[in-house]
């Protein structure tokens, strides 16, 4: 394995670890305030930018999972 591949693999491992941390922070028990949710959304966006450059499928799975955590929850409202 050449030097570039070693660095690429190390970055992928760091991204997987970072994604797991951000995913734990996405728990509603952790991010309670509006400021915490904004910080979480910013972390997810920054993670996504790094994940775009990765070829590791684990990184892309984590990105998709994180993207789902910041999407607004839609409610069905029915009125007569």
N, C-alpha and C. Protein backbone atom coordinates (compact mmCIF):
# COMPACT_ATOMS: atom_id res chain seq x y z
N UNK A 1 0.86 -1.17 0.00
CA UNK A 1 0.00 0.00 0.00
C UNK A 1 0.91 1.23 0.00
N UNK A 2 0.67 2.14 -0.95
CA UNK A 2 1.52 3.32 -1.02
C UNK A 2 1.11 4.36 0.02
N UNK A 3 1.89 5.42 0.11
CA UNK A 3 1.64 6.44 1.14
C UNK A 3 0.31 7.14 0.99
N UNK A 4 -0.08 7.44 -0.23
CA UNK A 4 -1.35 8.14 -0.45
C UNK A 4 -2.52 7.26 -0.02
N UNK A 5 -2.45 5.99 -0.34
CA UNK A 5 -3.53 5.08 0.05
C UNK A 5 -3.61 4.94 1.56
N UNK A 6 -2.47 4.94 2.24
CA UNK A 6 -2.47 4.86 3.71
C UNK A 6 -3.14 6.09 4.31
N UNK A 7 -2.80 7.25 3.77
CA UNK A 7 -3.41 8.48 4.28
C UNK A 7 -4.90 8.52 3.99
N UNK A 8 -5.27 8.05 2.81
CA UNK A 8 -6.69 8.01 2.43
C UNK A 8 -7.46 7.10 3.38
N UNK A 9 -6.91 5.95 3.67
CA UNK A 9 -7.55 5.00 4.59
C UNK A 9 -7.66 5.59 6.00
N UNK A 10 -6.59 6.26 6.44
CA UNK A 10 -6.61 6.88 7.77
C UNK A 10 -7.67 7.98 7.84
N UNK A 11 -7.80 8.75 6.77
CA UNK A 11 -8.84 9.79 6.75
C UNK A 11 -10.24 9.17 6.76
N UNK A 12 -10.41 8.07 6.04
CA UNK A 12 -11.71 7.39 6.05
C UNK A 12 -12.05 6.89 7.45
N UNK A 13 -11.08 6.33 8.14
CA UNK A 13 -11.31 5.86 9.51
C UNK A 13 -11.67 7.02 10.43
N UNK A 14 -10.99 8.16 10.26
CA UNK A 14 -11.30 9.34 11.06
C UNK A 14 -12.71 9.83 10.76
N UNK A 15 -13.11 9.80 9.48
CA UNK A 15 -14.46 10.23 9.11
C UNK A 15 -15.53 9.31 9.69
N UNK A 16 -15.25 8.03 9.73
CA UNK A 16 -16.20 7.08 10.32
C UNK A 16 -16.35 7.37 11.81
N UNK A 17 -15.24 7.62 12.49
CA UNK A 17 -15.30 7.94 13.92
C UNK A 17 -16.02 9.26 14.16
N UNK A 18 -15.70 10.26 13.36
CA UNK A 18 -16.35 11.55 13.50
C UNK A 18 -17.85 11.46 13.21
N UNK A 19 -18.21 10.69 12.18
CA UNK A 19 -19.62 10.51 11.86
C UNK A 19 -20.38 9.85 13.00
N UNK A 20 -19.76 8.89 13.65
CA UNK A 20 -20.40 8.22 14.79
C UNK A 20 -20.62 9.20 15.94
N UNK A 21 -19.67 10.10 16.15
CA UNK A 21 -19.80 11.10 17.21
C UNK A 21 -20.95 12.05 16.90
N UNK A 22 -20.98 12.55 15.67
CA UNK A 22 -22.04 13.49 15.27
C UNK A 22 -23.40 12.79 15.34
N UNK A 23 -23.44 11.51 14.98
CA UNK A 23 -24.70 10.77 15.05
C UNK A 23 -25.20 10.66 16.49
N UNK A 24 -24.28 10.47 17.43
CA UNK A 24 -24.68 10.44 18.85
C UNK A 24 -25.21 11.80 19.29
N UNK A 25 -24.62 12.86 18.76
CA UNK A 25 -25.08 14.21 19.10
C UNK A 25 -26.44 14.52 18.49
N UNK A 26 -26.84 13.76 17.47
CA UNK A 26 -28.13 13.99 16.81
C UNK A 26 -29.30 13.48 17.64
N UNK A 27 -29.03 12.77 18.70
CA UNK A 27 -30.10 12.26 19.56
C UNK A 27 -30.87 13.43 20.17
N UNK A 28 -32.20 13.43 20.08
CA UNK A 28 -32.99 14.54 20.64
C UNK A 28 -32.75 14.77 22.13
N UNK A 29 -32.28 13.76 22.84
CA UNK A 29 -31.97 13.93 24.26
C UNK A 29 -30.73 14.79 24.45
N UNK A 30 -29.90 14.86 23.42
CA UNK A 30 -28.65 15.62 23.50
C UNK A 30 -28.83 17.03 22.94
N UNK A 31 -29.45 17.12 21.77
CA UNK A 31 -29.64 18.43 21.13
C UNK A 31 -31.05 18.93 21.43
N UNK A 32 -31.17 19.67 22.50
CA UNK A 32 -32.48 20.11 22.98
C UNK A 32 -32.83 21.52 22.52
N UNK A 33 -31.86 22.41 22.52
CA UNK A 33 -32.16 23.81 22.23
C UNK A 33 -32.03 24.09 20.73
N UNK A 34 -32.57 25.23 20.32
CA UNK A 34 -32.46 25.63 18.92
C UNK A 34 -31.00 25.86 18.52
N UNK A 35 -30.22 26.42 19.43
CA UNK A 35 -28.80 26.66 19.15
C UNK A 35 -28.05 25.33 18.95
N UNK A 36 -28.38 24.34 19.76
CA UNK A 36 -27.75 23.02 19.62
C UNK A 36 -28.15 22.37 18.30
N UNK A 37 -29.40 22.54 17.90
CA UNK A 37 -29.84 21.96 16.62
C UNK A 37 -29.17 22.66 15.44
N UNK A 38 -28.98 23.98 15.54
CA UNK A 38 -28.26 24.70 14.48
C UNK A 38 -26.81 24.23 14.40
N UNK A 39 -26.18 24.04 15.55
CA UNK A 39 -24.80 23.55 15.57
C UNK A 39 -24.72 22.14 14.98
N UNK A 40 -25.71 21.32 15.29
CA UNK A 40 -25.75 19.97 14.73
C UNK A 40 -25.88 20.04 13.20
N UNK A 41 -26.77 20.88 12.71
CA UNK A 41 -26.96 21.01 11.26
C UNK A 41 -25.67 21.47 10.60
N UNK A 42 -24.95 22.38 11.23
CA UNK A 42 -23.68 22.84 10.67
C UNK A 42 -22.66 21.69 10.66
N UNK A 43 -22.61 20.91 11.72
CA UNK A 43 -21.69 19.77 11.77
C UNK A 43 -22.02 18.74 10.70
N UNK A 44 -23.31 18.51 10.47
CA UNK A 44 -23.72 17.55 9.44
C UNK A 44 -23.32 18.07 8.06
N UNK A 45 -23.51 19.37 7.81
CA UNK A 45 -23.10 19.94 6.51
C UNK A 45 -21.60 19.82 6.31
N UNK A 46 -20.82 20.13 7.34
CA UNK A 46 -19.37 20.03 7.24
C UNK A 46 -18.92 18.59 7.03
N UNK A 47 -19.57 17.66 7.73
CA UNK A 47 -19.26 16.24 7.55
C UNK A 47 -19.56 15.84 6.10
N UNK A 48 -20.68 16.31 5.57
CA UNK A 48 -21.06 15.98 4.21
C UNK A 48 -20.05 16.45 3.19
N UNK A 49 -19.47 17.62 3.41
CA UNK A 49 -18.45 18.13 2.49
C UNK A 49 -17.23 17.21 2.48
N UNK A 50 -16.84 16.75 3.64
CA UNK A 50 -15.70 15.82 3.71
C UNK A 50 -16.07 14.45 3.13
N UNK A 51 -17.28 14.01 3.40
CA UNK A 51 -17.72 12.69 2.93
C UNK A 51 -17.80 12.64 1.42
N UNK A 52 -18.08 13.78 0.79
CA UNK A 52 -18.15 13.81 -0.68
C UNK A 52 -16.85 13.36 -1.32
N UNK A 53 -15.76 13.57 -0.65
CA UNK A 53 -14.44 13.25 -1.22
C UNK A 53 -13.98 11.83 -0.89
N UNK A 54 -14.77 11.13 -0.10
CA UNK A 54 -14.38 9.78 0.34
C UNK A 54 -14.96 8.72 -0.60
N UNK A 55 -14.23 7.65 -0.75
CA UNK A 55 -14.71 6.51 -1.54
C UNK A 55 -15.22 5.38 -0.65
N UNK A 56 -15.12 5.56 0.66
CA UNK A 56 -15.52 4.52 1.62
C UNK A 56 -17.04 4.48 1.75
N UNK A 57 -17.66 3.33 1.50
CA UNK A 57 -19.12 3.25 1.60
C UNK A 57 -19.65 3.49 3.02
N UNK A 58 -18.84 3.21 4.04
CA UNK A 58 -19.28 3.47 5.42
C UNK A 58 -19.48 4.96 5.65
N UNK A 59 -18.60 5.75 5.08
CA UNK A 59 -18.68 7.20 5.22
C UNK A 59 -19.96 7.70 4.55
N UNK A 60 -20.27 7.15 3.38
CA UNK A 60 -21.47 7.58 2.66
C UNK A 60 -22.75 7.13 3.37
N UNK A 61 -22.72 5.96 3.98
CA UNK A 61 -23.89 5.51 4.76
C UNK A 61 -24.11 6.42 5.96
N UNK A 62 -23.03 6.77 6.64
CA UNK A 62 -23.15 7.68 7.78
C UNK A 62 -23.66 9.05 7.34
N UNK A 63 -23.19 9.50 6.20
CA UNK A 63 -23.66 10.80 5.71
C UNK A 63 -25.16 10.77 5.45
N UNK A 64 -25.63 9.72 4.81
CA UNK A 64 -27.07 9.61 4.53
C UNK A 64 -27.86 9.56 5.84
N UNK A 65 -27.36 8.84 6.81
CA UNK A 65 -28.02 8.74 8.10
C UNK A 65 -28.05 10.10 8.81
N UNK A 66 -26.94 10.82 8.74
CA UNK A 66 -26.87 12.14 9.36
C UNK A 66 -27.77 13.13 8.65
N UNK A 67 -27.82 13.06 7.33
CA UNK A 67 -28.70 13.96 6.58
C UNK A 67 -30.15 13.78 7.01
N UNK A 68 -30.54 12.54 7.30
CA UNK A 68 -31.91 12.28 7.75
C UNK A 68 -32.19 12.90 9.12
N UNK A 69 -31.16 13.01 9.95
CA UNK A 69 -31.39 13.53 11.30
C UNK A 69 -31.69 15.02 11.31
N UNK A 70 -31.24 15.74 10.31
CA UNK A 70 -31.46 17.20 10.31
C UNK A 70 -32.65 17.61 9.45
N UNK A 71 -33.25 16.67 8.75
CA UNK A 71 -34.45 17.00 7.98
C UNK A 71 -35.58 17.29 8.94
N UNK A 72 -36.37 18.31 8.63
CA UNK A 72 -37.50 18.59 9.53
C UNK A 72 -38.51 17.46 9.51
N UNK A 73 -39.06 17.20 10.66
CA UNK A 73 -40.09 16.17 10.77
C UNK A 73 -41.41 16.77 10.30
N UNK A 74 -42.00 16.17 9.31
CA UNK A 74 -43.25 16.67 8.77
C UNK A 74 -44.42 15.99 9.46
N UNK A 75 -45.44 16.77 9.72
CA UNK A 75 -46.65 16.23 10.33
C UNK A 75 -47.79 16.35 9.34
N UNK A 76 -48.66 15.39 9.37
CA UNK A 76 -49.85 15.44 8.54
C UNK A 76 -50.92 16.18 9.33
N UNK A 77 -51.39 17.27 8.75
CA UNK A 77 -52.42 18.06 9.40
C UNK A 77 -53.66 17.98 8.52
N UNK A 78 -54.75 17.63 9.14
CA UNK A 78 -55.99 17.48 8.41
C UNK A 78 -57.04 18.32 9.10
N UNK A 79 -57.64 19.15 8.33
CA UNK A 79 -58.70 19.98 8.92
C UNK A 79 -59.96 19.84 8.08
N UNK A 80 -61.08 20.03 8.73
CA UNK A 80 -62.36 19.90 8.04
C UNK A 80 -62.83 21.24 7.56
